[in-house]
Amino acid sequence: MSEDTQYSTTEAPGVHGQDGLLAPKVATLSKAMMRAAQLHARSRFGLSQMEWQIVMLLAVFQPVAIRRLADIAMADAAQISRAVAALARKQLVERGTSARDGRQAALSLTQQGTDIALLLRQLSWQRNARLLEGFSPQQTAGLFDMLDVLIARAMREETDNTDRGADSEQE
């Protein structure tokens, strides 16, 4: 029996007691994938989890203000700021001045930070290929389509719950 099929869905490690709930399954997958990526980033480049996340996000969203980066990362701005300071000391991130607002710092990767981000992205693609091995292109596309729908619905739930909370406070 292969490693992937030695457990039925209900017997797989970390799945007990989830009663068909989506969030625990997605969280387990996400945590396992993030942990593998972060451990590699730590061992190869000495990056903490937050530093790794910032490098990967800056590769896509730079230049960006700390507050906006915190929103994208769904993290506390103070936590982001501390990690950015550590990345600046490692000469992976630089603070420029925002063209729109001269008071606000615009974060960007240095060339060394960009090189590391590219290597981390390549490793992510390799990990992605290993995880999706055995699925047809149609199955993979279907999975991504379903995930996009679920993400949009979850974000709508968050907004709806925030709106409901504001409504109940006004009563």
Protein backbone atom coordinates (compact mmCIF):
# COMPACT_ATOMS: atom_id res chain seq x y z
CA MET A 1 0.00 0.00 0.00
CA SER A 2 1.45 3.38 -0.94
CA GLU A 3 2.14 6.13 1.58
CA ASP A 4 -0.73 8.18 0.11
CA THR A 5 -3.30 5.39 0.27
CA GLN A 6 -2.45 3.65 3.52
CA TYR A 7 -5.12 5.72 5.27
CA SER A 8 -8.74 6.19 4.32
CA THR A 9 -9.88 9.83 4.37
CA THR A 10 -11.35 9.46 7.83
CA GLU A 11 -8.28 7.68 9.21
CA ALA A 12 -5.62 10.08 7.89
CA PRO A 13 -3.50 11.73 10.56
CA GLY A 14 -4.90 15.05 11.71
CA VAL A 15 -8.38 14.43 10.29
CA HIS A 16 -10.13 12.80 13.26
CA GLY A 17 -13.03 14.68 14.78
CA GLN A 18 -13.46 17.11 11.89
CA ASP A 19 -16.95 15.87 11.00
CA GLY A 20 -16.64 16.88 7.35
CA LEU A 21 -15.68 20.47 8.18
CA LEU A 22 -13.71 22.21 5.46
CA ALA A 23 -11.72 24.70 7.57
CA PRO A 24 -9.70 22.12 9.56
CA LYS A 25 -8.78 20.20 6.41
CA VAL A 26 -7.69 23.32 4.54
CA ALA A 27 -5.85 24.60 7.62
CA THR A 28 -4.01 21.29 8.00
CA LEU A 29 -2.96 21.32 4.35
CA SER A 30 -1.93 24.97 4.55
CA LYS A 31 0.07 24.51 7.75
CA ALA A 32 1.88 21.46 6.40
CA MET A 33 2.79 23.25 3.17
CA MET A 34 3.80 26.45 4.96
CA ARG A 35 5.88 24.55 7.51
CA ALA A 36 7.78 22.67 4.81
CA ALA A 37 8.47 25.89 2.90
CA GLN A 38 9.42 27.83 6.01
CA LEU A 39 11.77 25.10 7.31
CA HIS A 40 13.57 25.18 3.99
CA ALA A 41 13.78 28.99 4.06
CA ARG A 42 15.17 28.86 7.61
CA SER A 43 17.76 26.15 6.92
CA ARG A 44 18.94 27.54 3.60
CA PHE A 45 18.60 31.32 4.10
CA GLY A 46 18.15 31.85 7.86
CA LEU A 47 14.68 33.37 7.44
CA SER A 48 11.98 33.26 10.11
CA GLN A 49 8.44 32.42 9.06
CA MET A 50 7.43 36.08 8.91
CA GLU A 51 10.62 37.06 7.08
CA TRP A 52 10.04 34.31 4.52
CA GLN A 53 6.44 35.44 4.03
CA ILE A 54 7.49 39.07 3.57
CA VAL A 55 10.17 38.18 1.01
CA MET A 56 7.64 36.14 -0.97
CA LEU A 57 4.99 38.88 -0.79
CA LEU A 58 7.39 41.69 -1.70
CA ALA A 59 8.41 39.73 -4.79
CA VAL A 60 4.83 40.22 -5.98
CA PHE A 61 3.63 43.48 -4.40
CA GLN A 62 6.69 45.75 -4.19
CA PRO A 63 6.99 48.63 -3.59
CA VAL A 64 4.48 48.52 -0.74
CA ALA A 65 3.88 50.24 2.60
CA ILE A 66 4.15 48.24 5.83
CA ARG A 67 0.44 48.75 6.62
CA ARG A 68 -0.60 47.43 3.20
CA LEU A 69 1.84 44.52 3.52
CA ALA A 70 0.30 43.68 6.90
CA ASP A 71 -3.15 43.63 5.28
CA ILE A 72 -1.96 41.35 2.49
CA ALA A 73 -0.18 39.03 4.95
CA MET A 74 -3.14 39.13 7.36
CA ALA A 75 -0.65 39.93 10.13
CA ASP A 76 -0.08 42.62 12.72
CA ALA A 77 1.73 45.71 11.37
CA ALA A 78 4.09 45.74 14.37
CA GLN A 79 5.06 42.11 13.67
CA ILE A 80 5.63 42.98 10.00
CA SER A 81 7.70 46.01 10.99
CA ARG A 82 9.99 43.93 13.23
CA ALA A 83 10.51 41.35 10.50
CA VAL A 84 11.18 44.08 7.92
CA ALA A 85 13.82 45.56 10.24
CA ALA A 86 15.49 42.12 10.46
CA LEU A 87 15.37 41.75 6.67
CA ALA A 88 16.87 45.24 6.26
CA ARG A 89 19.74 44.24 8.58
CA LYS A 90 20.28 41.17 6.37
CA GLN A 91 20.26 43.54 3.37
CA LEU A 92 17.31 41.75 1.75
CA VAL A 93 14.82 44.63 2.00
CA GLU A 94 15.21 48.36 1.54
CA ARG A 95 12.96 51.20 2.57
CA GLY A 96 12.31 53.84 -0.02
CA THR A 97 9.90 56.75 0.07
CA SER A 98 6.42 56.39 -1.35
CA ALA A 99 5.87 58.42 -4.51
CA ARG A 100 2.28 59.13 -3.39
CA ASP A 101 3.07 59.99 0.23
CA GLY A 102 6.60 61.17 1.00
CA ARG A 103 6.10 60.32 4.69
CA GLN A 104 5.37 56.65 4.14
CA ALA A 105 8.09 54.04 3.58
CA ALA A 106 7.83 51.94 0.45
CA LEU A 107 9.39 48.51 0.93
CA SER A 108 11.24 46.73 -1.85
CA LEU A 109 13.55 43.75 -2.13
CA THR A 110 17.24 44.34 -2.73
CA GLN A 111 18.89 42.36 -5.52
CA GLN A 112 19.94 39.75 -2.95
CA GLY A 113 16.35 39.63 -1.63
CA THR A 114 15.04 39.23 -5.18
CA ASP A 115 17.49 36.39 -5.85
CA ILE A 116 16.34 34.58 -2.69
CA ALA A 117 12.68 35.16 -3.59
CA LEU A 118 13.27 33.61 -7.01
CA LEU A 119 14.94 30.56 -5.47
CA LEU A 120 12.13 30.21 -2.94
CA ARG A 121 9.57 30.49 -5.76
CA GLN A 122 11.33 27.72 -7.70
CA LEU A 123 11.27 25.51 -4.61
CA SER A 124 7.56 26.28 -4.21
CA TRP A 125 6.87 25.18 -7.78
CA GLN A 126 8.78 21.95 -7.18
CA ARG A 127 6.83 21.28 -3.96
CA ASN A 128 3.61 22.11 -5.82
CA ALA A 129 4.44 19.59 -8.55
CA ARG A 130 5.13 16.87 -5.96
CA LEU A 131 1.82 17.53 -4.19
CA LEU A 132 -0.20 17.51 -7.40
CA GLU A 133 1.56 14.48 -8.86
CA GLY A 134 -0.93 11.93 -10.13
CA PHE A 135 -3.73 14.43 -10.72
CA SER A 136 -4.71 15.21 -14.30
CA PRO A 137 -4.47 18.80 -15.57
CA GLN A 138 -8.29 18.87 -15.51
CA GLN A 139 -8.40 17.73 -11.87
CA THR A 140 -5.80 20.30 -10.92
CA ALA A 141 -7.69 23.06 -12.73
CA GLY A 142 -10.91 21.93 -11.04
CA LEU A 143 -9.22 21.99 -7.63
CA PHE A 144 -7.92 25.51 -8.20
CA ASP A 145 -11.33 26.67 -9.46
CA MET A 146 -13.01 25.24 -6.34
CA LEU A 147 -10.41 26.83 -4.08
CA ASP A 148 -10.95 30.22 -5.77
CA VAL A 149 -14.71 29.94 -5.14
CA LEU A 150 -14.18 28.85 -1.53
CA ILE A 151 -11.72 31.70 -0.89
CA ALA A 152 -14.17 34.24 -2.31
CA ARG A 153 -17.00 32.82 -0.21
CA ALA A 154 -14.87 32.80 2.95
CA MET A 155 -13.85 36.41 2.37
CA ARG A 156 -17.48 37.32 1.84
CA GLU A 157 -18.34 35.52 5.12
CA GLU A 158 -15.71 37.60 6.90
CA THR A 159 -17.13 40.83 5.44
CA ASP A 160 -20.71 39.79 6.18
CA ASN A 161 -19.83 38.91 9.78
CA THR A 162 -18.02 42.23 10.21
CA ASP A 163 -21.07 44.05 8.83
CA ARG A 164 -23.41 42.08 11.10
CA GLY A 165 -21.23 42.99 14.10
CA ALA A 166 -21.40 46.68 13.20
CA ASP A 167 -25.19 46.44 12.77
CA SER A 168 -25.65 44.83 16.19
CA GLU A 169 -23.49 47.52 17.84
CA GLN A 170 -25.76 50.23 16.41
CA GLU A 171 -28.89 48.67 17.90
